[in-house]
């Protein structure tokens, strides 16, 4: 029997409730689980990070059976699910994605996808973020995520869950038959300059800016998420909200 069938599942994303990755994930999970809730932004919120809507009202509307579209951030969606929509019986498993695009290295600090999973773990849920990498100008290999997502989730759920941990999964930009395996990885790091303001001008010659994604080469430690997907492997990275550098903390205590 599928381990997913025993969970009360919350699905969220940052691409919007009609995002193809969320639609795919919902289909996959509903095939094995009867208790699935979709609570997602009403439009794309990529780059929202762990932000909250605290200066404007957060509104939501029903978008189908156990589906809600929220005018807010991915974190808003998780909070509404936990404290309002599902408050009498909160979710036990949060799945965020499947994001269209990479969430590797420093991406996780900007990503609404990983931040929704972060909020889930802060609320005590088992939480997993999923992303399908693609390259601009080419089609997205959704068939790769479709083939590997469910069995990989089942395998992760068999591992004894550690409090304060969530998982970040990235499927490589490759067809299913070219996937080289699964790698358990650490968070990588690219050179600075992946996100650059680009100046443009409107019809009145007034400047405005787009933040362009110009991914730099990463510091490809062989155990990093960047190195794994470069070799067409699925990257699975255990992450945590606790960011204290304990080694330096103890040194500073001695110093001060």
Protein backbone atom coordinates (compact mmCIF):
# COMPACT_ATOMS: atom_id res chain seq x y z
CA UNK A 1 0.00 0.00 0.00
CA UNK A 2 1.22 3.50 -0.77
CA UNK A 3 2.55 5.42 2.24
CA UNK A 4 1.06 8.53 0.67
CA UNK A 5 -2.42 7.09 1.15
CA UNK A 6 -2.08 7.44 4.93
CA UNK A 7 -1.27 11.16 4.78
CA UNK A 8 -3.46 14.24 4.85
CA UNK A 9 -1.74 16.08 2.01
CA UNK A 10 -1.46 19.80 1.38
CA UNK A 11 -0.28 20.88 -2.08
CA UNK A 12 1.05 24.41 -2.61
CA UNK A 13 3.36 26.11 -5.10
CA UNK A 14 4.61 29.51 -6.28
CA UNK A 15 3.70 29.16 -9.98
CA UNK A 16 -0.02 29.63 -9.32
CA UNK A 17 -2.91 27.24 -8.87
CA UNK A 18 -3.09 26.50 -12.61
CA UNK A 19 0.66 25.91 -12.93
CA UNK A 20 1.36 22.73 -14.94
CA UNK A 21 3.64 21.31 -12.26
CA UNK A 22 0.98 21.62 -9.57
CA UNK A 23 -1.64 20.12 -11.87
CA UNK A 24 0.70 17.18 -12.50
CA UNK A 25 1.52 16.72 -8.83
CA UNK A 26 -2.16 16.83 -7.90
CA UNK A 27 -2.93 14.13 -10.45
CA UNK A 28 -0.12 11.91 -9.17
CA UNK A 29 -1.06 12.24 -5.50
CA UNK A 30 -4.83 11.94 -5.98
CA UNK A 31 -4.23 8.59 -7.68
CA UNK A 32 -3.00 7.14 -4.37
CA UNK A 33 -4.51 9.40 -1.69
CA UNK A 34 -8.11 10.42 -0.99
CA UNK A 35 -7.26 13.29 1.34
CA UNK A 36 -5.59 15.92 -0.85
CA UNK A 37 -6.00 19.68 -0.50
CA UNK A 38 -4.71 22.28 -2.95
CA UNK A 39 -4.20 25.76 -1.49
CA UNK A 40 -2.08 27.83 -3.85
CA UNK A 41 -1.59 31.41 -5.07
CA UNK A 42 -4.09 32.66 -7.63
CA UNK A 43 -1.21 33.80 -9.84
CA UNK A 44 2.53 33.26 -10.17
CA UNK A 45 4.52 34.24 -7.07
CA UNK A 46 7.99 33.08 -8.09
CA UNK A 47 10.70 34.78 -6.05
CA UNK A 48 8.31 35.48 -3.17
CA UNK A 49 10.68 33.71 -0.79
CA UNK A 50 9.32 33.39 2.77
CA UNK A 51 7.35 36.62 2.55
CA UNK A 52 4.02 37.32 4.23
CA UNK A 53 1.23 39.66 3.13
CA UNK A 54 1.06 41.93 6.17
CA UNK A 55 0.14 45.28 4.57
CA UNK A 56 -2.75 44.10 2.36
CA UNK A 57 -5.69 41.76 2.97
CA UNK A 58 -5.31 38.12 1.92
CA UNK A 59 -8.35 36.89 0.02
CA UNK A 60 -9.20 33.42 -1.22
CA UNK A 61 -11.88 31.68 -3.25
CA UNK A 62 -12.85 28.09 -3.85
CA UNK A 63 -11.47 26.66 -7.09
CA UNK A 64 -12.96 23.16 -6.95
CA UNK A 65 -13.24 20.29 -4.50
CA UNK A 66 -10.74 20.92 -1.69
CA UNK A 67 -9.01 23.51 -3.89
CA UNK A 68 -8.51 27.17 -2.95
CA UNK A 69 -6.91 30.04 -4.85
CA UNK A 70 -5.28 32.61 -2.57
CA UNK A 71 -4.39 36.19 -3.43
CA UNK A 72 -1.17 36.01 -1.47
CA UNK A 73 2.23 34.39 -1.17
CA UNK A 74 3.03 30.67 -0.85
CA UNK A 75 3.65 31.22 2.87
CA UNK A 76 0.24 32.87 3.18
CA UNK A 77 -1.25 29.75 1.59
CA UNK A 78 0.36 27.44 4.14
CA UNK A 79 -0.80 29.62 7.03
CA UNK A 80 -4.38 29.72 5.71
CA UNK A 81 -4.36 25.96 5.27
CA UNK A 82 -3.07 25.26 8.78
CA UNK A 83 -4.94 27.88 10.78
CA UNK A 84 -8.15 28.28 8.81
CA UNK A 85 -9.15 25.91 6.01
CA UNK A 86 -7.83 22.69 7.59
CA UNK A 87 -7.66 23.85 11.22
CA UNK A 88 -9.83 21.04 12.62
CA UNK A 89 -7.63 18.39 11.05
CA UNK A 90 -4.31 19.89 9.90
CA UNK A 91 -2.22 18.43 7.06
CA UNK A 92 0.44 15.87 7.92
CA UNK A 93 2.41 16.19 4.67
CA UNK A 94 3.12 19.32 2.65
CA UNK A 95 4.27 18.98 -0.96
CA UNK A 96 5.37 22.20 -2.67
CA UNK A 97 5.64 22.31 -6.45
CA UNK A 98 6.27 20.90 -8.86
CA UNK A 99 8.09 24.14 -9.65
CA UNK A 100 8.89 24.98 -13.28
CA UNK A 101 12.56 25.76 -12.93
CA UNK A 102 15.52 24.98 -10.71
CA UNK A 103 15.69 25.49 -6.97
CA UNK A 104 19.40 24.84 -6.47
CA UNK A 105 22.10 26.52 -4.43
CA UNK A 106 21.12 30.03 -3.37
CA UNK A 107 17.79 29.69 -5.23
CA UNK A 108 16.29 28.25 -2.05
CA UNK A 109 16.62 31.64 -0.32
CA UNK A 110 14.54 33.35 -3.03
CA UNK A 111 12.12 30.56 -3.85
CA UNK A 112 8.48 30.56 -2.86
CA UNK A 113 8.49 26.81 -3.50
CA UNK A 114 11.13 25.97 -0.91
CA UNK A 115 9.82 28.65 1.45
CA UNK A 116 6.38 27.02 1.52
CA UNK A 117 8.11 23.79 2.57
CA UNK A 118 10.07 25.75 5.17
CA UNK A 119 6.84 27.14 6.61
CA UNK A 120 5.41 23.64 6.68
CA UNK A 121 8.28 22.28 8.75
CA UNK A 122 8.02 25.24 11.14
CA UNK A 123 4.39 24.21 11.70
CA UNK A 124 5.37 20.60 12.33
CA UNK A 125 4.49 19.03 8.98
CA UNK A 126 6.59 16.68 6.94
CA UNK A 127 7.52 18.92 4.03
CA UNK A 128 9.05 18.36 0.60
CA UNK A 129 9.74 20.82 -2.22
CA UNK A 130 9.90 19.56 -5.81
CA UNK A 131 11.23 21.30 -8.93
CA UNK A 132 11.62 20.35 -12.58
CA UNK A 133 14.63 22.07 -14.13
CA UNK A 134 14.34 23.40 -17.68
CA UNK A 135 16.41 25.61 -19.96
CA UNK A 136 14.91 28.73 -21.55
CA UNK A 137 13.84 28.24 -25.13
CA UNK A 138 13.35 24.49 -24.68
CA UNK A 139 10.39 22.41 -23.58
CA UNK A 140 10.07 21.30 -19.95
CA UNK A 141 10.59 17.58 -19.30
CA UNK A 142 7.47 17.16 -17.18
CA UNK A 143 7.56 13.47 -18.09
CA UNK A 144 10.69 13.16 -15.94
CA UNK A 145 8.97 14.48 -12.83
CA UNK A 146 5.91 12.40 -13.69
CA UNK A 147 7.94 9.19 -13.79
CA UNK A 148 10.12 9.71 -10.72
CA UNK A 149 8.17 11.92 -8.29
CA UNK A 150 5.84 9.41 -6.68
CA UNK A 151 8.33 6.55 -6.15
CA UNK A 152 10.87 9.04 -4.79
CA UNK A 153 8.32 10.50 -2.36
CA UNK A 154 7.43 7.00 -1.19
CA UNK A 155 11.11 6.24 -0.57
CA UNK A 156 11.63 9.45 1.41
CA UNK A 157 8.57 8.72 3.55
CA UNK A 158 10.09 5.37 4.52
CA UNK A 159 12.98 7.19 6.18
CA UNK A 160 12.43 8.05 9.85
CA UNK A 161 11.47 11.71 9.71
CA UNK A 162 13.65 14.11 11.68
CA UNK A 163 12.03 17.15 13.26
CA UNK A 164 13.16 20.44 11.75
CA UNK A 165 14.15 18.94 8.39
CA UNK A 166 12.57 19.31 4.96
CA UNK A 167 13.66 17.95 1.59
CA UNK A 168 14.41 19.81 -1.62
CA UNK A 169 14.10 17.67 -4.77
CA UNK A 170 15.30 18.82 -8.21
CA UNK A 171 14.63 16.75 -11.33
CA UNK A 172 17.27 17.32 -14.02
CA UNK A 173 16.68 18.93 -17.40
CA UNK A 174 16.67 15.56 -19.13
CA UNK A 175 14.26 13.02 -20.55
CA UNK A 176 13.38 10.15 -18.18
CA UNK A 177 15.59 7.65 -19.99
CA UNK A 178 18.61 9.92 -19.53
CA UNK A 179 18.28 10.31 -15.76
CA UNK A 180 21.45 8.86 -14.23
CA UNK A 181 20.06 8.12 -10.76
CA UNK A 182 19.34 9.80 -7.43
CA UNK A 183 21.99 11.72 -5.47
CA UNK A 184 21.72 12.86 -1.86
CA UNK A 185 23.35 16.27 -1.97
CA UNK A 186 24.37 19.39 -0.11
CA UNK A 187 23.29 22.87 -1.11
CA UNK A 188 25.64 24.24 -3.74
CA UNK A 189 26.65 27.80 -4.47
CA UNK A 190 27.07 29.76 -7.68
CA UNK A 191 29.30 32.73 -8.34
CA UNK A 192 27.61 36.11 -7.62
CA UNK A 193 25.71 37.69 -10.48
CA UNK A 194 22.89 35.25 -11.25
CA UNK A 195 20.21 37.89 -10.61
CA UNK A 196 20.88 41.21 -12.33
CA UNK A 197 18.63 44.32 -12.68
CA UNK A 198 18.30 45.12 -16.39
CA UNK A 199 17.29 48.67 -17.31
CA UNK A 200 14.65 49.31 -19.95
CA UNK A 201 12.58 52.34 -20.93
CA UNK A 202 8.84 52.80 -21.25
CA UNK A 203 6.96 54.84 -23.88
CA UNK A 204 7.76 58.07 -22.08
CA UNK A 205 11.47 57.22 -21.90
CA UNK A 206 11.25 56.62 -18.16
CA UNK A 207 13.46 53.80 -16.86
CA UNK A 208 12.18 50.59 -15.32
CA UNK A 209 13.92 47.32 -14.49
CA UNK A 210 13.54 43.58 -14.90
CA UNK A 211 15.48 41.25 -12.63
CA UNK A 212 17.08 38.89 -15.13
CA UNK A 213 18.09 35.34 -14.31
CA UNK A 214 21.59 34.82 -15.68
CA UNK A 215 22.76 31.76 -13.83
CA UNK A 216 26.50 31.68 -13.25
CA UNK A 217 28.58 28.56 -13.01
CA UNK A 218 28.40 26.96 -9.61
CA UNK A 219 31.14 25.94 -7.25
CA UNK A 220 30.52 22.35 -8.19
CA UNK A 221 31.53 20.45 -5.11
CA UNK A 222 31.00 16.81 -6.15
CA UNK A 223 28.36 16.36 -3.44
CA UNK A 224 26.37 19.49 -4.36
CA UNK A 225 22.92 19.76 -5.88
CA UNK A 226 24.45 21.73 -8.78
CA UNK A 227 26.87 18.93 -9.60
CA UNK A 228 24.16 16.26 -9.38
CA UNK A 229 21.81 17.83 -11.91
CA UNK A 230 24.72 18.70 -14.18
CA UNK A 231 25.22 14.94 -14.41
CA UNK A 232 21.49 14.34 -15.06
CA UNK A 233 20.88 12.96 -11.56
CA UNK A 234 17.89 13.78 -9.37
CA UNK A 235 19.12 15.88 -6.45
CA UNK A 236 17.65 15.33 -2.97
CA UNK A 237 18.90 17.83 -0.37
CA UNK A 238 17.87 17.75 3.30
CA UNK A 239 17.50 21.36 4.50
CA UNK A 240 16.71 23.00 7.83
CA UNK A 241 15.46 26.38 9.05
CA UNK A 242 18.15 26.50 11.75
CA UNK A 243 20.96 28.54 10.16
CA UNK A 244 23.28 29.06 13.13
CA UNK A 245 26.95 28.36 12.48
CA UNK A 246 27.64 26.57 15.73
CA UNK A 247 31.41 26.25 15.22
CA UNK A 248 31.75 30.04 14.91
CA UNK A 249 29.25 30.61 17.70
CA UNK A 250 31.45 28.72 20.18
CA UNK A 251 34.59 30.51 18.96
CA UNK A 252 32.92 33.90 19.38
CA UNK A 253 31.79 32.99 22.87
CA UNK A 254 35.40 32.28 23.81
CA UNK A 255 36.53 35.52 22.17
CA UNK A 256 33.95 37.78 23.77
